[in-house]
N, C-alpha and C. Protein backbone atom coordinates (compact mmCIF):
# COMPACT_ATOMS: atom_id res chain seq x y z
N MET A 1 8.64 34.11 63.54
CA MET A 1 8.70 33.90 64.97
C MET A 1 8.47 32.44 65.30
N PHE A 2 8.86 32.05 66.47
CA PHE A 2 8.60 30.72 66.99
C PHE A 2 8.37 30.86 68.48
N PHE A 3 7.40 30.11 69.00
CA PHE A 3 7.19 30.16 70.45
C PHE A 3 6.68 28.83 70.95
N GLU A 4 6.91 28.59 72.21
CA GLU A 4 6.38 27.42 72.90
C GLU A 4 5.16 27.90 73.68
N PRO A 5 3.97 27.38 73.37
CA PRO A 5 2.74 27.92 73.98
C PRO A 5 2.77 28.12 75.48
N PRO A 6 3.31 27.17 76.28
CA PRO A 6 3.30 27.41 77.73
C PRO A 6 4.13 28.62 78.17
N LYS A 7 5.07 29.06 77.30
CA LYS A 7 5.95 30.17 77.66
C LYS A 7 5.45 31.51 77.13
N GLY A 8 4.34 31.50 76.38
CA GLY A 8 3.78 32.74 75.87
C GLY A 8 4.27 33.07 74.47
N HIS A 9 3.60 34.04 73.83
CA HIS A 9 3.88 34.36 72.44
C HIS A 9 4.24 35.83 72.21
N GLY A 10 3.97 36.68 73.16
CA GLY A 10 4.32 38.09 73.03
C GLY A 10 3.45 38.89 72.08
N LEU A 11 2.39 38.29 71.57
CA LEU A 11 1.48 38.98 70.66
C LEU A 11 0.27 39.50 71.44
N PRO A 12 -0.46 40.45 70.88
CA PRO A 12 -1.64 40.96 71.59
C PRO A 12 -2.69 39.89 71.85
N HIS A 13 -2.77 38.88 70.95
CA HIS A 13 -3.75 37.81 71.09
C HIS A 13 -3.12 36.49 70.66
N ASP A 14 -3.53 35.42 71.28
CA ASP A 14 -3.03 34.08 70.95
C ASP A 14 -3.41 33.73 69.51
N PRO A 15 -2.44 33.42 68.64
CA PRO A 15 -2.76 33.14 67.23
C PRO A 15 -3.24 31.71 66.98
N PHE A 16 -3.27 30.86 68.00
CA PHE A 16 -3.54 29.44 67.80
C PHE A 16 -4.83 29.19 67.01
N LYS A 17 -5.94 29.80 67.44
CA LYS A 17 -7.22 29.55 66.77
C LYS A 17 -7.24 30.12 65.35
N ALA A 18 -6.46 31.17 65.10
CA ALA A 18 -6.40 31.73 63.75
C ALA A 18 -5.61 30.83 62.82
N LEU A 19 -4.67 30.08 63.38
CA LEU A 19 -3.87 29.17 62.57
C LEU A 19 -4.65 27.90 62.23
N VAL A 20 -5.40 27.39 63.19
CA VAL A 20 -6.21 26.19 62.95
C VAL A 20 -7.58 26.67 62.49
N ALA A 21 -7.64 27.08 61.22
CA ALA A 21 -8.86 27.70 60.70
C ALA A 21 -8.86 27.58 59.17
N PRO A 22 -10.02 27.68 58.54
CA PRO A 22 -11.34 27.82 59.15
C PRO A 22 -11.81 26.51 59.79
N ARG A 23 -12.62 26.65 60.84
CA ARG A 23 -13.15 25.49 61.54
C ARG A 23 -14.66 25.43 61.34
N PRO A 24 -15.19 24.29 60.90
CA PRO A 24 -16.65 24.19 60.75
C PRO A 24 -17.33 24.38 62.09
N ILE A 25 -18.53 24.88 62.06
CA ILE A 25 -19.28 25.12 63.29
C ILE A 25 -20.37 24.07 63.43
N GLY A 26 -20.33 23.36 64.53
CA GLY A 26 -21.41 22.44 64.87
C GLY A 26 -22.38 23.17 65.78
N TRP A 27 -23.55 23.47 65.27
CA TRP A 27 -24.59 24.14 66.07
C TRP A 27 -25.38 23.03 66.72
N ILE A 28 -25.06 22.74 67.97
CA ILE A 28 -25.53 21.53 68.64
C ILE A 28 -26.86 21.77 69.35
N SER A 29 -27.86 20.95 69.00
CA SER A 29 -29.13 21.00 69.71
C SER A 29 -29.30 19.73 70.53
N THR A 30 -29.78 19.90 71.75
CA THR A 30 -30.00 18.79 72.67
C THR A 30 -31.31 19.03 73.41
N VAL A 31 -31.83 17.97 74.02
CA VAL A 31 -33.06 18.10 74.78
C VAL A 31 -33.03 17.08 75.92
N LEU A 32 -33.53 17.50 77.08
CA LEU A 32 -33.62 16.58 78.21
C LEU A 32 -34.97 15.86 78.19
N ALA A 33 -35.08 14.85 79.02
CA ALA A 33 -36.32 14.06 79.08
C ALA A 33 -37.52 14.93 79.45
N ASP A 34 -37.29 16.00 80.24
CA ASP A 34 -38.39 16.86 80.65
C ASP A 34 -38.74 17.91 79.60
N GLY A 35 -38.06 17.86 78.43
CA GLY A 35 -38.36 18.77 77.34
C GLY A 35 -37.50 20.02 77.29
N ALA A 36 -36.59 20.22 78.24
CA ALA A 36 -35.72 21.40 78.23
C ALA A 36 -34.80 21.34 77.02
N LEU A 37 -34.79 22.43 76.23
CA LEU A 37 -34.00 22.49 75.01
C LEU A 37 -32.74 23.30 75.19
N ASN A 38 -31.71 22.95 74.41
CA ASN A 38 -30.48 23.73 74.40
C ASN A 38 -29.98 23.81 72.97
N LEU A 39 -29.39 24.95 72.62
CA LEU A 39 -28.84 25.16 71.28
C LEU A 39 -27.59 26.01 71.42
N SER A 40 -26.44 25.47 71.01
CA SER A 40 -25.20 26.20 71.20
C SER A 40 -24.19 25.85 70.11
N PRO A 41 -23.43 26.84 69.62
CA PRO A 41 -22.45 26.58 68.56
C PRO A 41 -21.08 26.20 69.11
N TYR A 42 -20.41 25.30 68.38
CA TYR A 42 -19.07 24.84 68.76
C TYR A 42 -18.19 24.82 67.52
N SER A 43 -17.08 25.57 67.56
CA SER A 43 -16.15 25.52 66.43
C SER A 43 -15.06 24.47 66.66
N TYR A 44 -14.99 23.91 67.87
CA TYR A 44 -14.17 22.72 68.06
C TYR A 44 -15.07 21.53 67.74
N PHE A 45 -15.31 21.36 66.45
CA PHE A 45 -16.23 20.35 65.94
C PHE A 45 -15.70 19.84 64.62
N ASN A 46 -15.88 18.54 64.37
CA ASN A 46 -15.52 18.02 63.07
C ASN A 46 -16.00 16.59 62.92
N ALA A 47 -15.92 16.09 61.68
CA ALA A 47 -16.14 14.67 61.39
C ALA A 47 -14.78 13.98 61.43
N PHE A 48 -14.76 12.72 61.86
CA PHE A 48 -13.48 12.03 61.88
C PHE A 48 -13.54 10.60 61.38
N SER A 49 -14.67 10.18 60.84
CA SER A 49 -14.78 8.85 60.26
C SER A 49 -15.99 8.79 59.35
N THR A 50 -15.90 7.95 58.31
CA THR A 50 -17.07 7.73 57.44
C THR A 50 -17.52 6.27 57.47
N ASN A 51 -16.88 5.44 58.26
CA ASN A 51 -17.28 4.04 58.34
C ASN A 51 -17.07 3.51 59.76
N PRO A 52 -17.99 3.82 60.69
CA PRO A 52 -19.25 4.54 60.48
C PRO A 52 -19.03 6.05 60.44
N HIS A 53 -20.09 6.77 60.13
CA HIS A 53 -20.04 8.23 60.13
C HIS A 53 -19.96 8.70 61.59
N LEU A 54 -18.85 9.32 61.95
CA LEU A 54 -18.65 9.79 63.32
C LEU A 54 -18.27 11.27 63.33
N VAL A 55 -18.80 11.99 64.31
CA VAL A 55 -18.44 13.39 64.52
C VAL A 55 -18.17 13.58 66.01
N TRP A 56 -17.52 14.69 66.31
CA TRP A 56 -17.36 15.04 67.73
C TRP A 56 -17.31 16.54 67.90
N PHE A 57 -17.63 16.97 69.12
CA PHE A 57 -17.48 18.38 69.47
C PHE A 57 -16.87 18.46 70.86
N SER A 58 -16.11 19.54 71.07
CA SER A 58 -15.45 19.75 72.36
C SER A 58 -16.10 20.94 73.05
N SER A 59 -16.46 20.74 74.30
CA SER A 59 -17.16 21.75 75.08
C SER A 59 -16.42 21.99 76.38
N ASP A 60 -16.49 23.22 76.90
CA ASP A 60 -16.02 23.43 78.27
C ASP A 60 -16.80 22.49 79.17
N ALA A 61 -16.11 21.81 80.05
CA ALA A 61 -16.75 20.82 80.91
C ALA A 61 -17.91 21.44 81.68
N GLY A 62 -19.03 20.73 81.69
CA GLY A 62 -20.18 21.17 82.46
C GLY A 62 -21.18 22.02 81.70
N LYS A 63 -20.88 22.39 80.44
CA LYS A 63 -21.84 23.18 79.67
C LYS A 63 -23.04 22.31 79.29
N ASP A 64 -24.16 22.97 79.00
CA ASP A 64 -25.41 22.26 78.75
C ASP A 64 -25.32 21.26 77.61
N SER A 65 -24.70 21.65 76.49
CA SER A 65 -24.65 20.73 75.34
C SER A 65 -23.98 19.42 75.73
N GLU A 66 -22.88 19.52 76.44
CA GLU A 66 -22.17 18.32 76.88
C GLU A 66 -22.98 17.52 77.89
N THR A 67 -23.53 18.20 78.89
CA THR A 67 -24.24 17.46 79.94
C THR A 67 -25.56 16.88 79.42
N PHE A 68 -26.27 17.63 78.57
CA PHE A 68 -27.52 17.11 78.01
C PHE A 68 -27.23 15.89 77.14
N ALA A 69 -26.21 15.98 76.29
CA ALA A 69 -25.87 14.86 75.41
C ALA A 69 -25.42 13.65 76.22
N ARG A 70 -24.66 13.91 77.28
CA ARG A 70 -24.20 12.82 78.15
C ARG A 70 -25.38 12.15 78.84
N GLU A 71 -26.33 12.95 79.30
CA GLU A 71 -27.48 12.41 80.04
C GLU A 71 -28.46 11.65 79.15
N THR A 72 -28.63 12.13 77.91
CA THR A 72 -29.66 11.53 77.04
C THR A 72 -29.09 10.61 75.97
N GLY A 73 -27.80 10.79 75.65
CA GLY A 73 -27.17 9.96 74.63
C GLY A 73 -27.47 10.39 73.21
N GLU A 74 -27.97 11.63 73.02
CA GLU A 74 -28.32 12.08 71.67
C GLU A 74 -28.00 13.57 71.50
N PHE A 75 -27.71 13.94 70.25
CA PHE A 75 -27.58 15.36 69.91
C PHE A 75 -27.74 15.50 68.40
N VAL A 76 -28.01 16.74 67.96
CA VAL A 76 -28.13 17.04 66.54
C VAL A 76 -27.13 18.13 66.20
N VAL A 77 -26.42 17.93 65.09
CA VAL A 77 -25.51 18.96 64.58
C VAL A 77 -26.23 19.71 63.47
N ASN A 78 -26.55 20.96 63.70
CA ASN A 78 -27.15 21.81 62.67
C ASN A 78 -26.02 22.48 61.89
N ILE A 79 -26.06 22.36 60.57
CA ILE A 79 -25.03 22.96 59.72
C ILE A 79 -25.41 24.42 59.48
N VAL A 80 -24.55 25.33 59.91
CA VAL A 80 -24.88 26.76 59.90
C VAL A 80 -24.69 27.35 58.51
N GLY A 81 -25.78 27.72 57.85
CA GLY A 81 -25.73 28.45 56.59
C GLY A 81 -25.61 29.94 56.87
N ARG A 82 -25.20 30.70 55.86
CA ARG A 82 -24.96 32.14 56.03
C ARG A 82 -26.20 32.85 56.57
N ALA A 83 -27.39 32.43 56.17
CA ALA A 83 -28.61 33.09 56.62
C ALA A 83 -28.86 32.92 58.12
N PHE A 84 -28.15 31.98 58.74
CA PHE A 84 -28.36 31.69 60.16
C PHE A 84 -27.25 32.25 61.04
N PHE A 85 -26.36 33.03 60.45
CA PHE A 85 -25.18 33.50 61.19
C PHE A 85 -25.56 34.29 62.44
N GLU A 86 -26.41 35.29 62.30
CA GLU A 86 -26.75 36.15 63.44
C GLU A 86 -27.42 35.34 64.55
N ALA A 87 -28.31 34.43 64.18
CA ALA A 87 -28.97 33.61 65.19
C ALA A 87 -27.98 32.69 65.88
N MET A 88 -27.04 32.15 65.12
CA MET A 88 -26.02 31.28 65.71
C MET A 88 -25.21 32.03 66.75
N VAL A 89 -24.79 33.25 66.42
CA VAL A 89 -24.03 34.06 67.37
C VAL A 89 -24.88 34.37 68.60
N ALA A 90 -26.15 34.71 68.38
CA ALA A 90 -27.03 35.02 69.50
C ALA A 90 -27.16 33.83 70.45
N SER A 91 -27.14 32.63 69.92
CA SER A 91 -27.30 31.44 70.76
C SER A 91 -26.04 31.08 71.54
N SER A 92 -24.94 31.79 71.26
CA SER A 92 -23.68 31.50 71.97
C SER A 92 -23.60 32.20 73.32
N VAL A 93 -24.63 32.96 73.68
CA VAL A 93 -24.63 33.69 74.95
C VAL A 93 -24.45 32.71 76.13
N ASP A 94 -23.75 33.18 77.15
CA ASP A 94 -23.48 32.32 78.32
C ASP A 94 -24.68 32.30 79.26
N ALA A 95 -25.80 31.81 78.75
CA ALA A 95 -27.03 31.75 79.53
C ALA A 95 -26.95 30.63 80.58
N PRO A 96 -27.67 30.77 81.68
CA PRO A 96 -27.65 29.72 82.72
C PRO A 96 -28.34 28.45 82.23
N ARG A 97 -28.05 27.34 82.92
CA ARG A 97 -28.62 26.05 82.56
C ARG A 97 -30.15 26.14 82.51
N GLY A 98 -30.70 25.52 81.49
CA GLY A 98 -32.14 25.47 81.36
C GLY A 98 -32.74 26.55 80.49
N VAL A 99 -31.94 27.57 80.13
CA VAL A 99 -32.46 28.63 79.25
C VAL A 99 -32.53 28.07 77.83
N ASN A 100 -33.63 28.31 77.16
CA ASN A 100 -33.86 27.81 75.80
C ASN A 100 -33.27 28.78 74.78
N GLU A 101 -32.10 28.42 74.21
CA GLU A 101 -31.46 29.30 73.24
C GLU A 101 -32.18 29.35 71.90
N PHE A 102 -33.03 28.36 71.62
CA PHE A 102 -33.87 28.47 70.43
C PHE A 102 -34.70 29.75 70.52
N ASP A 103 -35.28 29.98 71.70
CA ASP A 103 -36.09 31.18 71.90
C ASP A 103 -35.24 32.44 71.87
N LEU A 104 -34.09 32.39 72.53
CA LEU A 104 -33.21 33.56 72.57
C LEU A 104 -32.79 33.99 71.17
N ALA A 105 -32.54 33.01 70.31
CA ALA A 105 -32.07 33.29 68.96
C ALA A 105 -33.21 33.49 67.97
N GLY A 106 -34.46 33.35 68.44
CA GLY A 106 -35.61 33.52 67.57
C GLY A 106 -35.76 32.40 66.56
N MET A 107 -35.32 31.21 66.93
CA MET A 107 -35.38 30.07 66.03
C MET A 107 -36.50 29.10 66.41
N ALA A 108 -37.22 28.61 65.41
CA ALA A 108 -38.22 27.57 65.63
C ALA A 108 -37.55 26.20 65.48
N THR A 109 -38.26 25.17 65.88
CA THR A 109 -37.72 23.81 65.79
C THR A 109 -38.49 22.98 64.77
N GLU A 110 -37.81 21.96 64.28
CA GLU A 110 -38.43 20.94 63.45
C GLU A 110 -38.05 19.59 64.04
N PRO A 111 -38.96 18.62 64.08
CA PRO A 111 -38.63 17.33 64.68
C PRO A 111 -37.60 16.56 63.87
N SER A 112 -36.73 15.87 64.58
CA SER A 112 -35.79 14.95 63.94
C SER A 112 -36.53 13.64 63.67
N ARG A 113 -35.91 12.77 62.88
CA ARG A 113 -36.54 11.49 62.55
C ARG A 113 -36.19 10.40 63.55
N LEU A 114 -34.90 10.34 63.96
CA LEU A 114 -34.42 9.19 64.72
C LEU A 114 -33.92 9.51 66.12
N VAL A 115 -33.86 10.78 66.48
CA VAL A 115 -33.41 11.19 67.81
C VAL A 115 -34.39 12.22 68.36
N ALA A 116 -34.35 12.41 69.68
CA ALA A 116 -35.29 13.33 70.33
C ALA A 116 -34.98 14.81 70.10
N PRO A 117 -33.70 15.24 70.11
CA PRO A 117 -33.44 16.67 69.92
C PRO A 117 -33.93 17.14 68.55
N PRO A 118 -34.59 18.28 68.50
CA PRO A 118 -35.05 18.80 67.20
C PRO A 118 -33.91 19.50 66.47
N ARG A 119 -34.11 19.73 65.18
CA ARG A 119 -33.17 20.56 64.43
C ARG A 119 -33.73 21.97 64.35
N VAL A 120 -32.89 22.89 63.93
CA VAL A 120 -33.33 24.27 63.71
C VAL A 120 -34.18 24.30 62.44
N LYS A 121 -35.34 24.91 62.52
CA LYS A 121 -36.23 24.98 61.36
C LYS A 121 -35.59 25.79 60.24
N GLY A 122 -35.61 25.22 59.03
CA GLY A 122 -35.08 25.91 57.86
C GLY A 122 -33.60 25.73 57.64
N ILE A 123 -32.92 25.00 58.50
CA ILE A 123 -31.47 24.83 58.42
C ILE A 123 -31.11 24.09 57.12
N PRO A 124 -29.97 24.41 56.50
CA PRO A 124 -29.61 23.73 55.24
C PRO A 124 -29.43 22.22 55.38
N ALA A 125 -28.87 21.81 56.51
CA ALA A 125 -28.62 20.38 56.73
C ALA A 125 -28.44 20.13 58.22
N ALA A 126 -28.65 18.88 58.62
CA ALA A 126 -28.48 18.52 60.03
C ALA A 126 -28.09 17.05 60.14
N LEU A 127 -27.30 16.75 61.15
CA LEU A 127 -26.84 15.39 61.42
C LEU A 127 -27.45 14.92 62.73
N GLU A 128 -28.23 13.86 62.68
CA GLU A 128 -28.82 13.28 63.88
C GLU A 128 -27.83 12.27 64.45
N CYS A 129 -27.46 12.45 65.72
CA CYS A 129 -26.37 11.66 66.29
C CYS A 129 -26.75 10.98 67.60
N LYS A 130 -26.15 9.82 67.80
CA LYS A 130 -26.22 9.12 69.07
C LYS A 130 -24.82 9.04 69.66
N VAL A 131 -24.69 9.34 70.93
CA VAL A 131 -23.39 9.42 71.59
C VAL A 131 -22.73 8.04 71.63
N THR A 132 -21.46 8.01 71.23
CA THR A 132 -20.69 6.76 71.29
C THR A 132 -19.68 6.78 72.43
N GLU A 133 -19.15 7.94 72.74
CA GLU A 133 -18.23 8.06 73.87
C GLU A 133 -18.08 9.51 74.29
N VAL A 134 -17.72 9.69 75.54
CA VAL A 134 -17.45 11.01 76.11
C VAL A 134 -16.15 10.90 76.87
N PHE A 135 -15.21 11.80 76.60
CA PHE A 135 -13.94 11.71 77.32
C PHE A 135 -13.38 13.09 77.62
N ASP A 136 -12.49 13.13 78.59
CA ASP A 136 -11.87 14.36 79.05
C ASP A 136 -10.41 14.38 78.63
N PRO A 137 -10.03 15.15 77.61
CA PRO A 137 -8.65 15.17 77.15
C PRO A 137 -7.70 15.78 78.17
N ARG A 138 -6.44 15.34 78.09
CA ARG A 138 -5.40 15.80 79.03
C ARG A 138 -4.16 16.24 78.27
N GLY A 139 -3.38 17.10 78.89
CA GLY A 139 -2.12 17.54 78.31
C GLY A 139 -0.99 16.59 78.64
N LEU A 140 0.21 16.91 78.19
CA LEU A 140 1.38 16.07 78.43
C LEU A 140 1.67 15.88 79.91
N ASP A 141 1.31 16.88 80.70
CA ASP A 141 1.56 16.80 82.14
C ASP A 141 0.49 16.01 82.89
N GLY A 142 -0.50 15.52 82.14
CA GLY A 142 -1.55 14.72 82.77
C GLY A 142 -2.71 15.52 83.31
N ARG A 143 -2.60 16.85 83.27
CA ARG A 143 -3.69 17.68 83.79
C ARG A 143 -4.84 17.76 82.79
N SER A 144 -6.05 17.84 83.32
CA SER A 144 -7.23 17.96 82.47
C SER A 144 -7.19 19.26 81.68
N ALA A 145 -7.66 19.20 80.44
CA ALA A 145 -7.74 20.40 79.61
C ALA A 145 -8.94 21.27 79.99
N GLY A 146 -9.77 20.76 80.89
CA GLY A 146 -10.96 21.51 81.28
C GLY A 146 -12.05 21.46 80.23
N ALA A 147 -11.92 20.53 79.30
CA ALA A 147 -12.90 20.37 78.22
C ALA A 147 -13.42 18.94 78.21
N THR A 148 -14.55 18.76 77.59
CA THR A 148 -15.12 17.43 77.41
C THR A 148 -15.41 17.23 75.93
N VAL A 149 -14.97 16.10 75.40
CA VAL A 149 -15.22 15.77 74.00
C VAL A 149 -16.36 14.77 73.93
N VAL A 150 -17.37 15.11 73.15
CA VAL A 150 -18.53 14.24 72.95
C VAL A 150 -18.48 13.72 71.51
N ALA A 151 -18.38 12.41 71.36
CA ALA A 151 -18.36 11.79 70.04
C ALA A 151 -19.69 11.09 69.80
N GLY A 152 -20.13 11.10 68.55
CA GLY A 152 -21.40 10.46 68.24
C GLY A 152 -21.41 9.89 66.84
N GLU A 153 -22.21 8.85 66.67
CA GLU A 153 -22.41 8.28 65.34
C GLU A 153 -23.61 8.97 64.68
N VAL A 154 -23.43 9.34 63.44
CA VAL A 154 -24.50 9.97 62.67
C VAL A 154 -25.46 8.87 62.21
N VAL A 155 -26.67 8.89 62.75
CA VAL A 155 -27.64 7.84 62.42
C VAL A 155 -28.66 8.33 61.39
N GLY A 156 -28.70 9.64 61.15
CA GLY A 156 -29.62 10.20 60.17
C GLY A 156 -29.12 11.53 59.67
N ILE A 157 -29.31 11.81 58.39
CA ILE A 157 -28.85 13.06 57.80
C ILE A 157 -30.02 13.74 57.09
N PHE A 158 -30.28 14.99 57.45
CA PHE A 158 -31.29 15.80 56.78
C PHE A 158 -30.58 16.82 55.88
N ILE A 159 -31.04 16.95 54.64
CA ILE A 159 -30.56 17.99 53.73
C ILE A 159 -31.78 18.66 53.10
N ASP A 160 -31.84 19.97 53.19
CA ASP A 160 -32.89 20.73 52.52
C ASP A 160 -32.73 20.50 51.02
N ASP A 161 -33.79 20.03 50.35
CA ASP A 161 -33.71 19.74 48.91
C ASP A 161 -33.25 20.94 48.10
N ALA A 162 -33.52 22.15 48.59
CA ALA A 162 -33.11 23.36 47.87
C ALA A 162 -31.60 23.52 47.85
N MET A 163 -30.91 22.78 48.71
CA MET A 163 -29.45 22.87 48.79
C MET A 163 -28.76 21.80 47.95
N LEU A 164 -29.51 21.06 47.15
CA LEU A 164 -28.94 20.04 46.29
C LEU A 164 -28.88 20.55 44.85
N THR A 165 -27.70 20.48 44.26
CA THR A 165 -27.49 20.87 42.87
C THR A 165 -26.79 19.73 42.15
N GLY A 166 -27.47 19.15 41.18
CA GLY A 166 -26.87 18.04 40.45
C GLY A 166 -26.57 16.85 41.33
N GLY A 167 -27.38 16.66 42.37
CA GLY A 167 -27.17 15.53 43.26
C GLY A 167 -26.10 15.75 44.30
N ARG A 168 -25.57 16.96 44.41
CA ARG A 168 -24.54 17.26 45.40
C ARG A 168 -25.03 18.38 46.33
N TYR A 169 -24.58 18.30 47.58
CA TYR A 169 -24.87 19.39 48.52
C TYR A 169 -24.14 20.63 48.05
N ASP A 170 -24.88 21.71 47.82
CA ASP A 170 -24.32 22.95 47.27
C ASP A 170 -23.85 23.84 48.42
N ILE A 171 -22.58 23.69 48.77
CA ILE A 171 -22.04 24.39 49.93
C ILE A 171 -22.00 25.90 49.72
N VAL A 172 -21.91 26.34 48.46
CA VAL A 172 -21.93 27.77 48.17
C VAL A 172 -23.33 28.33 48.35
N ARG A 173 -24.33 27.62 47.85
CA ARG A 173 -25.72 28.07 48.04
C ARG A 173 -26.07 28.15 49.52
N ALA A 174 -25.63 27.15 50.27
CA ALA A 174 -25.89 27.15 51.71
C ALA A 174 -25.06 28.21 52.42
N GLY A 175 -23.87 28.48 51.90
CA GLY A 175 -22.98 29.46 52.53
C GLY A 175 -22.49 29.00 53.89
N ASN A 176 -22.08 27.73 53.97
CA ASN A 176 -21.61 27.20 55.26
C ASN A 176 -20.69 28.18 55.97
N VAL A 177 -20.97 28.43 57.23
CA VAL A 177 -20.19 29.38 58.03
C VAL A 177 -19.11 28.65 58.82
N ALA A 178 -17.93 29.25 58.89
CA ALA A 178 -16.82 28.66 59.64
C ALA A 178 -16.20 29.72 60.54
N ARG A 179 -15.58 29.25 61.60
CA ARG A 179 -14.94 30.15 62.57
C ARG A 179 -13.47 30.33 62.21
N LEU A 180 -13.01 31.56 62.27
CA LEU A 180 -11.59 31.87 62.11
C LEU A 180 -11.04 32.20 63.49
N GLY A 181 -9.99 32.97 63.57
CA GLY A 181 -9.47 33.35 64.87
C GLY A 181 -10.16 34.58 65.39
N TYR A 182 -9.85 34.91 66.67
CA TYR A 182 -10.34 36.14 67.27
C TYR A 182 -11.87 36.20 67.21
N HIS A 183 -12.45 37.29 66.65
CA HIS A 183 -13.91 37.38 66.53
C HIS A 183 -14.34 37.23 65.06
N ASP A 184 -13.53 36.56 64.28
CA ASP A 184 -13.74 36.51 62.84
C ASP A 184 -14.39 35.22 62.37
N TYR A 185 -15.19 35.35 61.33
CA TYR A 185 -15.87 34.22 60.70
C TYR A 185 -15.72 34.34 59.19
N THR A 186 -16.05 33.27 58.49
CA THR A 186 -16.13 33.30 57.04
C THR A 186 -17.27 32.41 56.60
N SER A 187 -17.71 32.61 55.36
CA SER A 187 -18.70 31.70 54.79
C SER A 187 -18.24 31.31 53.39
N VAL A 188 -18.64 30.14 52.97
CA VAL A 188 -18.19 29.63 51.68
C VAL A 188 -18.93 30.36 50.57
N ASP A 189 -18.17 31.04 49.70
CA ASP A 189 -18.80 31.71 48.56
C ASP A 189 -18.14 31.30 47.25
N ALA A 190 -17.15 30.41 47.31
CA ALA A 190 -16.50 29.90 46.11
C ALA A 190 -15.83 28.58 46.43
N VAL A 191 -15.74 27.72 45.45
CA VAL A 191 -15.03 26.46 45.62
C VAL A 191 -14.12 26.24 44.41
N PHE A 192 -13.06 25.47 44.59
CA PHE A 192 -12.24 25.04 43.47
C PHE A 192 -11.96 23.56 43.66
N SER A 193 -11.83 22.85 42.55
CA SER A 193 -11.74 21.39 42.60
C SER A 193 -10.48 20.89 41.90
N LYS A 194 -9.99 19.78 42.42
CA LYS A 194 -8.88 19.08 41.78
C LYS A 194 -8.86 17.66 42.30
N SER A 195 -8.80 16.71 41.41
CA SER A 195 -8.77 15.31 41.82
C SER A 195 -7.41 14.96 42.40
N ARG A 196 -7.40 14.09 43.38
CA ARG A 196 -6.14 13.66 43.96
C ARG A 196 -5.43 12.72 42.98
N PRO A 197 -4.09 12.73 42.98
CA PRO A 197 -3.37 11.85 42.05
C PRO A 197 -3.49 10.38 42.47
N ARG A 198 -3.34 9.50 41.50
CA ARG A 198 -3.33 8.07 41.77
C ARG A 198 -1.97 7.51 41.43
N TRP A 199 -1.48 6.64 42.29
CA TRP A 199 -0.17 6.05 42.11
C TRP A 199 -0.15 5.14 40.89
N SER A 200 0.80 5.38 40.01
CA SER A 200 0.86 4.60 38.77
C SER A 200 1.74 3.35 38.92
N GLY A 201 2.60 3.37 39.93
CA GLY A 201 3.49 2.25 40.15
C GLY A 201 4.77 2.33 39.35
N ASP A 202 4.95 3.41 38.58
CA ASP A 202 6.17 3.56 37.76
C ASP A 202 7.30 4.16 38.59
C-alpha cells in the first residue's frame, strides 16, 4: 500500500509510530524553583550530537515537562530499564499541573550532581541536561505541529556501576525499554554486533 498522510490510510490505526520504531524513551524529570517535581516519559526523544552531547524531546505544547524545562533551563533524562516499566507507564497519566508523578509512580528521588532536577532512584542511567534551545516545529503549510521540542546539552552522566560489564554499559542487563506503535513496547534482551566497513580506496 501507499498513502499520503493528510489524505488518510484506511487502516484501523495510523501505522506511522509503528514504522518509526523502536523509539528510546526519555523519562524526563524536572523541578521548579518552588520544589514542584514532574516526571513524564517521552518516546519522541533521542540524542542527535556527541560534540557536544545533545539530546532532545518533543512534548505536546504546554505540558509540564516542557514548561518546567523552559522555565528553569534544566532537565534529567532517566533511562528506563525493564524493572521500571510499570512505574514509567504509571507516570504517563494526564495529571494536572503540579501533581508529583514521582509519588504517583511510587518512585523515590536521588539528587543530581550538576542540575536541580533529581533522577529516579535506582535507575540504570541518567543524563543531566541544560536547555540549549526550545522551538515549535511546523509543517509544510506553516502551521504549528502543536508540539514543542526541548533540546539540551548533557552536562553530566550517571551510570549505575552494576550496569557496567567490561567497561561498557550493559544494555541487556539494564533491559532498556523502547516504544513501538499502538500500545506496544519492547525491551533489549539481545544484541548483535558488526563493525562498519572502512573505505580502502581501491
